[in-house]
Amino acid sequence: MVSDFITLLDKVRQLAELSQALRSENAALRGEMATMADDNSRLAARMKEAHARVEALLGALPADLRDEEAA
């Protein structure tokens, strides 16, 4: 009977340790996710700026060159 309680106590301790480890990992992953979301937003803004610059350059080309590029 006592050995059953000791076994149960060991399993509860293991569960508590695993739970704490998972909480720590979850917190670390949330931090990484926030960093990656910031990076993604920054890169999306850079892509939008690059697209606008390319559009402006294409708009600055003479009409005959634009027609050749479209073909």
Protein backbone atom coordinates (compact mmCIF):
# COMPACT_ATOMS: atom_id res chain seq x y z
CA MET A 1 0.00 0.00 0.00
CA VAL A 2 2.76 2.42 0.96
CA SER A 3 4.70 1.47 -2.16
CA ASP A 4 1.65 2.37 -4.27
CA PHE A 5 1.61 5.85 -2.72
CA ILE A 6 5.34 6.24 -3.28
CA THR A 7 4.93 5.22 -6.92
CA LEU A 8 2.03 7.64 -7.29
CA LEU A 9 4.08 10.39 -5.64
CA ASP A 10 6.97 9.76 -8.05
CA LYS A 11 4.62 9.94 -11.03
CA VAL A 12 3.08 13.18 -9.75
CA ARG A 13 6.57 14.65 -9.33
CA GLN A 14 7.49 13.60 -12.86
CA LEU A 15 4.30 15.15 -14.16
CA ALA A 16 5.03 18.40 -12.33
CA GLU A 17 8.58 18.50 -13.70
CA LEU A 18 7.37 17.80 -17.23
CA SER A 19 4.70 20.46 -16.89
CA GLN A 20 7.27 23.04 -15.78
CA ALA A 21 9.63 22.08 -18.59
CA LEU A 22 6.83 22.45 -21.12
CA ARG A 23 5.86 25.85 -19.70
CA SER A 24 9.46 27.02 -20.07
CA GLU A 25 9.68 25.69 -23.61
CA ASN A 26 6.35 27.32 -24.46
CA ALA A 27 7.57 30.68 -23.18
CA ALA A 28 10.75 30.39 -25.23
CA LEU A 29 8.79 29.45 -28.34
CA ARG A 30 6.45 32.40 -27.86
CA GLY A 31 9.48 34.68 -27.72
CA GLU A 32 10.90 33.17 -30.90
CA MET A 33 7.53 33.50 -32.60
CA ALA A 34 7.30 37.19 -31.68
CA THR A 35 10.80 37.79 -33.03
CA MET A 36 9.99 35.99 -36.26
CA ALA A 37 6.73 37.90 -36.65
CA ASP A 38 8.66 41.16 -36.30
CA ASP A 39 11.21 39.98 -38.86
CA ASN A 40 8.40 38.95 -41.21
CA SER A 41 6.75 42.37 -40.92
CA ARG A 42 10.05 44.14 -41.54
CA LEU A 43 10.81 41.99 -44.59
CA ALA A 44 7.30 42.47 -45.97
CA ALA A 45 7.75 46.24 -45.69
CA ARG A 46 11.09 46.01 -47.51
CA MET A 47 9.48 43.95 -50.27
CA LYS A 48 6.71 46.53 -50.62
CA GLU A 49 9.30 49.33 -50.87
CA ALA A 50 11.30 47.39 -53.47
CA HIS A 51 8.14 46.74 -55.47
CA ALA A 52 7.29 50.44 -55.43
CA ARG A 53 10.81 51.34 -56.60
CA VAL A 54 10.66 48.83 -59.45
CA GLU A 55 7.24 50.16 -60.47
CA ALA A 56 8.64 53.71 -60.42
CA LEU A 57 11.61 52.68 -62.56
CA LEU A 58 9.34 50.92 -65.02
CA GLY A 59 7.14 54.00 -65.15
CA ALA A 60 10.18 56.15 -65.91
CA LEU A 61 11.15 54.07 -68.96
CA PRO A 62 10.28 55.52 -72.34
CA ALA A 63 7.05 54.12 -73.78
CA ASP A 64 8.76 52.16 -76.56
CA LEU A 65 11.00 50.33 -74.05
CA ARG A 66 8.01 49.51 -71.84
CA ASP A 67 6.20 48.01 -74.83
CA GLU A 68 9.22 45.81 -75.59
CA GLU A 69 9.42 44.67 -71.95
CA ALA A 70 5.72 43.77 -71.93
CA ALA A 71 6.09 41.58 -75.05
